[in-house]
Amino acid sequence: MSLASYQIMLGFGGFFVLLGVIFVLWNRKEKKNYYNSILLTRRDIREALTHEPERPWLHAWQIGGRVSLILGIVLLITGGVLWLIMR
């Protein structure tokens, strides 16, 4: 593999880390907005306080963000090590 391949790997790693951070922050925003909207409409105060029943779609951004972060970190480490070795 050429040095350009390792730089592409580093680029994708940085992209996935950035995407993971955006997803995790988006998840926090969505959860806050959802549970605050329940308080404002006063549909069910118990749901707002205990967060039950669980809403799986609220966890989707968090799971996707974590997967993206892990993938990005692995790509950054692998690309960085290979780039330093082959340089």
PDB file of N, CA and C in Angstrom:
ATOM      1  N   MET A   1       0.839  -1.181   0.000  1.00  0.00           N
ATOM      2  CA  MET A   1       0.000   0.000   0.000  1.00  0.00           C
ATOM      3  C   MET A   1       0.884   1.244   0.000  1.00  0.00           C
ATOM      4  N   SER A   2       0.393   2.257  -0.660  1.00  0.00           N
ATOM      5  CA  SER A   2       1.165   3.493  -0.738  1.00  0.00           C
ATOM      6  C   SER A   2       0.829   4.405   0.440  1.00  0.00           C
ATOM      7  N   LEU A   3       1.624   5.443   0.589  1.00  0.00           N
ATOM      8  CA  LEU A   3       1.384   6.399   1.673  1.00  0.00           C
ATOM      9  C   LEU A   3       0.041   7.094   1.517  1.00  0.00           C
ATOM     10  N   ALA A   4      -0.412   7.282   0.293  1.00  0.00           N
ATOM     11  CA  ALA A   4      -1.718   7.913   0.068  1.00  0.00           C
ATOM     12  C   ALA A   4      -2.839   7.066   0.652  1.00  0.00           C
ATOM     13  N   SER A   5      -2.697   5.753   0.611  1.00  0.00           N
ATOM     14  CA  SER A   5      -3.714   4.865   1.178  1.00  0.00           C
ATOM     15  C   SER A   5      -3.819   5.056   2.685  1.00  0.00           C
ATOM     16  N   TYR A   6      -2.704   5.237   3.339  1.00  0.00           N
ATOM     17  CA  TYR A   6      -2.719   5.444   4.783  1.00  0.00           C
ATOM     18  C   TYR A   6      -3.295   6.807   5.139  1.00  0.00           C
ATOM     19  N   GLN A   7      -3.020   7.787   4.291  1.00  0.00           N
ATOM     20  CA  GLN A   7      -3.594   9.112   4.527  1.00  0.00           C
ATOM     21  C   GLN A   7      -5.104   9.092   4.333  1.00  0.00           C
ATOM     22  N   ILE A   8      -5.572   8.310   3.372  1.00  0.00           N
ATOM     23  CA  ILE A   8      -7.015   8.157   3.189  1.00  0.00           C
ATOM     24  C   ILE A   8      -7.624   7.482   4.411  1.00  0.00           C
ATOM     25  N   MET A   9      -6.935   6.478   4.953  1.00  0.00           N
ATOM     26  CA  MET A   9      -7.406   5.803   6.154  1.00  0.00           C
ATOM     27  C   MET A   9      -7.484   6.784   7.319  1.00  0.00           C
ATOM     28  N   LEU A  10      -6.490   7.638   7.457  1.00  0.00           N
ATOM     29  CA  LEU A  10      -6.513   8.659   8.501  1.00  0.00           C
ATOM     30  C   LEU A  10      -7.669   9.642   8.279  1.00  0.00           C
ATOM     31  N   GLY A  11      -7.904  10.004   7.041  1.00  0.00           N
ATOM     32  CA  GLY A  11      -9.000  10.911   6.722  1.00  0.00           C
ATOM     33  C   GLY A  11     -10.356  10.316   7.077  1.00  0.00           C
ATOM     34  N   PHE A  12     -10.554   9.056   6.712  1.00  0.00           N
ATOM     35  CA  PHE A  12     -11.805   8.396   7.071  1.00  0.00           C
ATOM     36  C   PHE A  12     -11.940   8.245   8.583  1.00  0.00           C
ATOM     37  N   GLY A  13     -10.843   7.968   9.264  1.00  0.00           N
ATOM     38  CA  GLY A  13     -10.884   7.877  10.720  1.00  0.00           C
ATOM     39  C   GLY A  13     -11.311   9.188  11.345  1.00  0.00           C
ATOM     40  N   GLY A  14     -10.746  10.278  10.875  1.00  0.00           N
ATOM     41  CA  GLY A  14     -11.143  11.595  11.383  1.00  0.00           C
ATOM     42  C   GLY A  14     -12.595  11.909  11.077  1.00  0.00           C
ATOM     43  N   PHE A  15     -13.044  11.524   9.886  1.00  0.00           N
ATOM     44  CA  PHE A  15     -14.440  11.744   9.505  1.00  0.00           C
ATOM     45  C   PHE A  15     -15.385  10.982  10.435  1.00  0.00           C
ATOM     46  N   PHE A  16     -15.081   9.711  10.713  1.00  0.00           N
ATOM     47  CA  PHE A  16     -15.944   8.911  11.567  1.00  0.00           C
ATOM     48  C   PHE A  16     -15.923   9.394  13.017  1.00  0.00           C
ATOM     49  N   VAL A  17     -14.789   9.863  13.492  1.00  0.00           N
ATOM     50  CA  VAL A  17     -14.738  10.424  14.845  1.00  0.00           C
ATOM     51  C   VAL A  17     -15.616  11.677  14.916  1.00  0.00           C
ATOM     52  N   LEU A  18     -15.494  12.537  13.922  1.00  0.00           N
ATOM     53  CA  LEU A  18     -16.311  13.748  13.880  1.00  0.00           C
ATOM     54  C   LEU A  18     -17.797  13.391  13.794  1.00  0.00           C
ATOM     55  N   LEU A  19     -18.136  12.423  12.958  1.00  0.00           N
ATOM     56  CA  LEU A  19     -19.513  11.986  12.823  1.00  0.00           C
ATOM     57  C   LEU A  19     -20.032  11.402  14.143  1.00  0.00           C
ATOM     58  N   GLY A  20     -19.205  10.632  14.837  1.00  0.00           N
ATOM     59  CA  GLY A  20     -19.597  10.061  16.126  1.00  0.00           C
ATOM     60  C   GLY A  20     -19.871  11.130  17.160  1.00  0.00           C
ATOM     61  N   VAL A  21     -19.025  12.148  17.221  1.00  0.00           N
ATOM     62  CA  VAL A  21     -19.231  13.240  18.174  1.00  0.00           C
ATOM     63  C   VAL A  21     -20.536  13.978  17.848  1.00  0.00           C
ATOM     64  N   ILE A  22     -20.785  14.214  16.561  1.00  0.00           N
ATOM     65  CA  ILE A  22     -22.024  14.885  16.161  1.00  0.00           C
ATOM     66  C   ILE A  22     -23.238  14.048  16.547  1.00  0.00           C
ATOM     67  N   PHE A  23     -23.180  12.732  16.337  1.00  0.00           N
ATOM     68  CA  PHE A  23     -24.302  11.861  16.691  1.00  0.00           C
ATOM     69  C   PHE A  23     -24.557  11.846  18.191  1.00  0.00           C
ATOM     70  N   VAL A  24     -23.513  11.791  18.989  1.00  0.00           N
ATOM     71  CA  VAL A  24     -23.680  11.768  20.447  1.00  0.00           C
ATOM     72  C   VAL A  24     -24.288  13.093  20.930  1.00  0.00           C
ATOM     73  N   LEU A  25     -23.811  14.195  20.400  1.00  0.00           N
ATOM     74  CA  LEU A  25     -24.376  15.491  20.778  1.00  0.00           C
ATOM     75  C   LEU A  25     -25.820  15.624  20.297  1.00  0.00           C
ATOM     76  N   TRP A  26     -26.113  15.112  19.110  1.00  0.00           N
ATOM     77  CA  TRP A  26     -27.476  15.139  18.593  1.00  0.00           C
ATOM     78  C   TRP A  26     -28.399  14.320  19.494  1.00  0.00           C
ATOM     79  N   ASN A  27     -27.908  13.175  19.992  1.00  0.00           N
ATOM     80  CA  ASN A  27     -28.699  12.334  20.886  1.00  0.00           C
ATOM     81  C   ASN A  27     -29.061  13.092  22.160  1.00  0.00           C
ATOM     82  N   ARG A  28     -28.104  13.783  22.737  1.00  0.00           N
ATOM     83  CA  ARG A  28     -28.392  14.555  23.949  1.00  0.00           C
ATOM     84  C   ARG A  28     -29.455  15.605  23.696  1.00  0.00           C
ATOM     85  N   LYS A  29     -29.356  16.284  22.556  1.00  0.00           N
ATOM     86  CA  LYS A  29     -30.321  17.325  22.195  1.00  0.00           C
ATOM     87  C   LYS A  29     -31.712  16.724  22.007  1.00  0.00           C
ATOM     88  N   GLU A  30     -31.793  15.596  21.296  1.00  0.00           N
ATOM     89  CA  GLU A  30     -33.084  14.963  21.040  1.00  0.00           C
ATOM     90  C   GLU A  30     -33.742  14.496  22.338  1.00  0.00           C
ATOM     91  N   LYS A  31     -32.964  13.871  23.226  1.00  0.00           N
ATOM     92  CA  LYS A  31     -33.526  13.411  24.499  1.00  0.00           C
ATOM     93  C   LYS A  31     -34.039  14.585  25.319  1.00  0.00           C
ATOM     94  N   LYS A  32     -33.232  15.643  25.388  1.00  0.00           N
ATOM     95  CA  LYS A  32     -33.630  16.815  26.162  1.00  0.00           C
ATOM     96  C   LYS A  32     -34.905  17.432  25.594  1.00  0.00           C
ATOM     97  N   ASN A  33     -34.965  17.578  24.292  1.00  0.00           N
ATOM     98  CA  ASN A  33     -36.157  18.151  23.663  1.00  0.00           C
ATOM     99  C   ASN A  33     -37.382  17.280  23.870  1.00  0.00           C
ATOM    100  N   TYR A  34     -37.215  15.970  23.765  1.00  0.00           N
ATOM    101  CA  TYR A  34     -38.353  15.063  23.915  1.00  0.00           C
ATOM    102  C   TYR A  34     -38.904  15.112  25.333  1.00  0.00           C
ATOM    103  N   TYR A  35     -38.036  14.977  26.322  1.00  0.00           N
ATOM    104  CA  TYR A  35     -38.531  14.942  27.695  1.00  0.00           C
ATOM    105  C   TYR A  35     -38.982  16.317  28.177  1.00  0.00           C
ATOM    106  N   ASN A  36     -38.424  17.390  27.654  1.00  0.00           N
ATOM    107  CA  ASN A  36     -38.923  18.717  27.997  1.00  0.00           C
ATOM    108  C   ASN A  36     -40.283  18.975  27.373  1.00  0.00           C
ATOM    109  N   SER A  37     -40.536  18.424  26.192  1.00  0.00           N
ATOM    110  CA  SER A  37     -41.844  18.611  25.565  1.00  0.00           C
ATOM    111  C   SER A  37     -42.924  17.896  26.359  1.00  0.00           C
ATOM    112  N   ILE A  38     -42.573  16.774  26.996  1.00  0.00           N
ATOM    113  CA  ILE A  38     -43.547  16.065  27.832  1.00  0.00           C
ATOM    114  C   ILE A  38     -43.906  16.924  29.034  1.00  0.00           C
ATOM    115  N   LEU A  39     -42.904  17.573  29.615  1.00  0.00           N
ATOM    116  CA  LEU A  39     -43.194  18.416  30.775  1.00  0.00           C
ATOM    117  C   LEU A  39     -44.078  19.589  30.397  1.00  0.00           C
ATOM    118  N   LEU A  40     -43.870  20.153  29.239  1.00  0.00           N
ATOM    119  CA  LEU A  40     -44.655  21.310  28.833  1.00  0.00           C
ATOM    120  C   LEU A  40     -46.103  20.946  28.531  1.00  0.00           C
ATOM    121  N   THR A  41     -46.316  19.769  27.938  1.00  0.00           N
ATOM    122  CA  THR A  41     -47.687  19.367  27.631  1.00  0.00           C
ATOM    123  C   THR A  41     -48.342  18.648  28.805  1.00  0.00           C
ATOM    124  N   ARG A  42     -47.546  18.251  29.774  1.00  0.00           N
ATOM    125  CA  ARG A  42     -48.017  17.558  30.979  1.00  0.00           C
ATOM    126  C   ARG A  42     -48.871  16.327  30.660  1.00  0.00           C
ATOM    127  N   ARG A  43     -48.450  15.600  29.619  1.00  0.00           N
ATOM    128  CA  ARG A  43     -49.151  14.366  29.269  1.00  0.00           C
ATOM    129  C   ARG A  43     -48.985  13.318  30.359  1.00  0.00           C
ATOM    130  N   ASP A  44     -47.732  13.108  30.715  1.00  0.00           N
ATOM    131  CA  ASP A  44     -47.457  12.074  31.707  1.00  0.00           C
ATOM    132  C   ASP A  44     -46.180  12.471  32.453  1.00  0.00           C
ATOM    133  N   ILE A  45     -46.338  12.996  33.644  1.00  0.00           N
ATOM    134  CA  ILE A  45     -45.190  13.455  34.417  1.00  0.00           C
ATOM    135  C   ILE A  45     -44.317  12.270  34.839  1.00  0.00           C
ATOM    136  N   ARG A  46     -44.930  11.120  35.103  1.00  0.00           N
ATOM    137  CA  ARG A  46     -44.157   9.942  35.501  1.00  0.00           C
ATOM    138  C   ARG A  46     -43.174   9.549  34.393  1.00  0.00           C
ATOM    139  N   GLU A  47     -43.622   9.624  33.158  1.00  0.00           N
ATOM    140  CA  GLU A  47     -42.726   9.281  32.051  1.00  0.00           C
ATOM    141  C   GLU A  47     -41.559  10.256  31.972  1.00  0.00           C
ATOM    142  N   ALA A  48     -41.802  11.520  32.213  1.00  0.00           N
ATOM    143  CA  ALA A  48     -40.739  12.519  32.157  1.00  0.00           C
ATOM    144  C   ALA A  48     -39.728  12.326  33.277  1.00  0.00           C
ATOM    145  N   LEU A  49     -40.191  11.883  34.439  1.00  0.00           N
ATOM    146  CA  LEU A  49     -39.289  11.723  35.583  1.00  0.00           C
ATOM    147  C   LEU A  49     -38.526  10.400  35.557  1.00  0.00           C
ATOM    148  N   THR A  50     -39.208   9.319  35.193  1.00  0.00           N
ATOM    149  CA  THR A  50     -38.570   8.000  35.248  1.00  0.00           C
ATOM    150  C   THR A  50     -38.067   7.526  33.887  1.00  0.00           C
ATOM    151  N   HIS A  51     -38.469   8.199  32.810  1.00  0.00           N
ATOM    152  CA  HIS A  51     -38.091   7.832  31.444  1.00  0.00           C
ATOM    153  C   HIS A  51     -38.567   6.436  31.090  1.00  0.00           C
ATOM    154  N   GLU A  52     -39.716   6.049  31.629  1.00  0.00           N
ATOM    155  CA  GLU A  52     -40.319   4.766  31.295  1.00  0.00           C
ATOM    156  C   GLU A  52     -41.689   5.020  30.719  1.00  0.00           C
ATOM    157  N   PRO A  53     -42.116   4.375  29.707  1.00  0.00           N
ATOM    158  CA  PRO A  53     -41.441   3.283  29.010  1.00  0.00           C
ATOM    159  C   PRO A  53     -40.274   3.799  28.177  1.00  0.00           C
ATOM    160  N   GLU A  54     -39.289   2.938  27.997  1.00  0.00           N
ATOM    161  CA  GLU A  54     -38.107   3.326  27.224  1.00  0.00           C
ATOM    162  C   GLU A  54     -38.482   3.589  25.777  1.00  0.00           C
ATOM    163  N   ARG A  55     -37.835   4.551  25.196  1.00  0.00           N
ATOM    164  CA  ARG A  55     -38.036   4.878  23.793  1.00  0.00           C
ATOM    165  C   ARG A  55     -36.780   4.467  23.027  1.00  0.00           C
ATOM    166  N   PRO A  56     -36.822   3.324  22.300  1.00  0.00           N
ATOM    167  CA  PRO A  56     -35.613   2.833  21.626  1.00  0.00           C
ATOM    168  C   PRO A  56     -35.063   3.803  20.586  1.00  0.00           C
ATOM    169  N   TRP A  57     -35.926   4.560  19.929  1.00  0.00           N
ATOM    170  CA  TRP A  57     -35.434   5.477  18.905  1.00  0.00           C
ATOM    171  C   TRP A  57     -34.612   6.600  19.512  1.00  0.00           C
ATOM    172  N   LEU A  58     -34.768   6.875  20.801  1.00  0.00           N
ATOM    173  CA  LEU A  58     -33.936   7.889  21.438  1.00  0.00           C
ATOM    174  C   LEU A  58     -32.507   7.389  21.653  1.00  0.00           C
ATOM    175  N   HIS A  59     -32.324   6.080  21.695  1.00  0.00           N
ATOM    176  CA  HIS A  59     -30.992   5.507  21.895  1.00  0.00           C
ATOM    177  C   HIS A  59     -30.261   5.255  20.583  1.00  0.00           C
ATOM    178  N   ALA A  60     -30.968   5.355  19.464  1.00  0.00           N
ATOM    179  CA  ALA A  60     -30.367   5.026  18.168  1.00  0.00           C
ATOM    180  C   ALA A  60     -29.198   5.947  17.838  1.00  0.00           C
ATOM    181  N   TRP A  61     -29.357   7.247  18.069  1.00  0.00           N
ATOM    182  CA  TRP A  61     -28.262   8.183  17.770  1.00  0.00           C
ATOM    183  C   TRP A  61     -27.056   7.905  18.660  1.00  0.00           C
ATOM    184  N   GLN A  62     -27.304   7.549  19.922  1.00  0.00           N
ATOM    185  CA  GLN A  62     -26.210   7.267  20.845  1.00  0.00           C
ATOM    186  C   GLN A  62     -25.448   6.016  20.413  1.00  0.00           C
ATOM    187  N   ILE A  63     -26.158   4.975  20.051  1.00  0.00           N
ATOM    188  CA  ILE A  63     -25.509   3.736  19.617  1.00  0.00           C
ATOM    189  C   ILE A  63     -24.728   3.968  18.328  1.00  0.00           C
ATOM    190  N   GLY A  64     -25.345   4.661  17.375  1.00  0.00           N
ATOM    191  CA  GLY A  64     -24.659   4.972  16.124  1.00  0.00           C
ATOM    192  C   GLY A  64     -23.425   5.828  16.349  1.00  0.00           C
ATOM    193  N   GLY A  65     -23.518   6.769  17.272  1.00  0.00           N
ATOM    194  CA  GLY A  65     -22.375   7.616  17.592  1.00  0.00           C
ATOM    195  C   GLY A  65     -21.232   6.838  18.210  1.00  0.00           C
ATOM    196  N   ARG A  66     -21.566   5.925  19.097  1.00  0.00           N
ATOM    197  CA  ARG A  66     -20.516   5.112  19.728  1.00  0.00           C
ATOM    198  C   ARG A  66     -19.832   4.198  18.719  1.00  0.00           C
ATOM    199  N   VAL A  67     -20.628   3.587  17.841  1.00  0.00           N
ATOM    200  CA  VAL A  67     -20.051   2.724  16.805  1.00  0.00           C
ATOM    201  C   VAL A  67     -19.143   3.541  15.892  1.00  0.00           C
ATOM    202  N   SER A  68     -19.612   4.712  15.508  1.00  0.00           N
ATOM    203  CA  SER A  68     -18.813   5.577  14.639  1.00  0.00           C
ATOM    204  C   SER A  68     -17.524   6.031  15.328  1.00  0.00           C
ATOM    205  N   LEU A  69     -17.610   6.363  16.618  1.00  0.00           N
ATOM    206  CA  LEU A  69     -16.410   6.752  17.359  1.00  0.00           C
ATOM    207  C   LEU A  69     -15.401   5.609  17.429  1.00  0.00           C
ATOM    208  N   ILE A  70     -15.870   4.414  17.731  1.00  0.00           N
ATOM    209  CA  ILE A  70     -14.968   3.265  17.829  1.00  0.00           C
ATOM    210  C   ILE A  70     -14.317   2.983  16.478  1.00  0.00           C
ATOM    211  N   LEU A  71     -15.112   2.986  15.424  1.00  0.00           N
ATOM    212  CA  LEU A  71     -14.578   2.751  14.083  1.00  0.00           C
ATOM    213  C   LEU A  71     -13.563   3.826  13.701  1.00  0.00           C
ATOM    214  N   GLY A  72     -13.873   5.077  14.004  1.00  0.00           N
ATOM    215  CA  GLY A  72     -12.958   6.165  13.677  1.00  0.00           C
ATOM    216  C   GLY A  72     -11.653   6.087  14.442  1.00  0.00           C
ATOM    217  N   ILE A  73     -11.726   5.758  15.720  1.00  0.00           N
ATOM    218  CA  ILE A  73     -10.508   5.658  16.531  1.00  0.00           C
ATOM    219  C   ILE A  73      -9.634   4.503  16.040  1.00  0.00           C
ATOM    220  N   VAL A  74     -10.260   3.374  15.712  1.00  0.00           N
ATOM    221  CA  VAL A  74      -9.497   2.232  15.189  1.00  0.00           C
ATOM    222  C   VAL A  74      -8.829   2.600  13.865  1.00  0.00           C
ATOM    223  N   LEU A  75      -9.572   3.281  12.980  1.00  0.00           N
ATOM    224  CA  LEU A  75      -8.981   3.698  11.711  1.00  0.00           C
ATOM    225  C   LEU A  75      -7.845   4.693  11.916  1.00  0.00           C
ATOM    226  N   LEU A  76      -8.023   5.629  12.839  1.00  0.00           N
ATOM    227  CA  LEU A  76      -6.959   6.602  13.104  1.00  0.00           C
ATOM    228  C   LEU A  76      -5.700   5.928  13.641  1.00  0.00           C
ATOM    229  N   ILE A  77      -5.869   5.021  14.577  1.00  0.00           N
ATOM    230  CA  ILE A  77      -4.713   4.332  15.161  1.00  0.00           C
ATOM    231  C   ILE A  77      -4.019   3.467  14.111  1.00  0.00           C
ATOM    232  N   THR A  78      -4.813   2.679  13.382  1.00  0.00           N
ATOM    233  CA  THR A  78      -4.234   1.793  12.369  1.00  0.00           C
ATOM    234  C   THR A  78      -3.545   2.592  11.270  1.00  0.00           C
ATOM    235  N   GLY A  79      -4.238   3.588  10.750  1.00  0.00           N
ATOM    236  CA  GLY A  79      -3.639   4.418   9.700  1.00  0.00           C
ATOM    237  C   GLY A  79      -2.416   5.171  10.168  1.00  0.00           C
ATOM    238  N   GLY A  80      -2.450   5.685  11.399  1.00  0.00           N
ATOM    239  CA  GLY A  80      -1.317   6.399  11.940  1.00  0.00           C
ATOM    240  C   GLY A  80      -0.100   5.509  12.139  1.00  0.00           C
ATOM    241  N   VAL A  81      -0.315   4.341  12.693  1.00  0.00           N
ATOM    242  CA  VAL A  81       0.799   3.408  12.906  1.00  0.00           C
ATOM    243  C   VAL A  81       1.387   2.955  11.574  1.00  0.00           C
ATOM    244  N   LEU A  82       0.547   2.563  10.646  1.00  0.00           N
ATOM    245  CA  LEU A  82       1.037   2.117   9.344  1.00  0.00           C
ATOM    246  C   LEU A  82       1.732   3.242   8.590  1.00  0.00           C
ATOM    247  N   TRP A  83       1.201   4.438   8.687  1.00  0.00           N
ATOM    248  CA  TRP A  83       1.817   5.580   8.004  1.00  0.00           C
ATOM    249  C   TRP A  83       3.199   5.874   8.572  1.00  0.00           C
ATOM    250  N   LEU A  84       3.328   5.779   9.907  1.00  0.00           N
ATOM    251  CA  LEU A  84       4.638   6.035  10.544  1.00  0.00           C
ATOM    252  C   LEU A  84       5.635   4.931  10.224  1.00  0.00           C
ATOM    253  N   ILE A  85       5.167   3.693  10.145  1.00  0.00           N
ATOM    254  CA  ILE A  85       6.062   2.581   9.850  1.00  0.00           C
ATOM    255  C   ILE A  85       6.562   2.640   8.402  1.00  0.00           C
ATOM    256  N   MET A  86       5.652   2.925   7.480  1.00  0.00           N
ATOM    257  CA  MET A  86       5.994   2.896   6.055  1.00  0.00           C
ATOM    258  C   MET A  86       6.642   4.179   5.568  1.00  0.00           C
ATOM    259  N   ARG A  87       6.629   5.198   6.350  1.00  0.00           N
ATOM    260  CA  ARG A  87       7.201   6.480   5.949  1.00  0.00           C
ATOM    261  C   ARG A  87       8.657   6.382   5.931  1.00  0.00           C
TER     262      ARG A  87
END
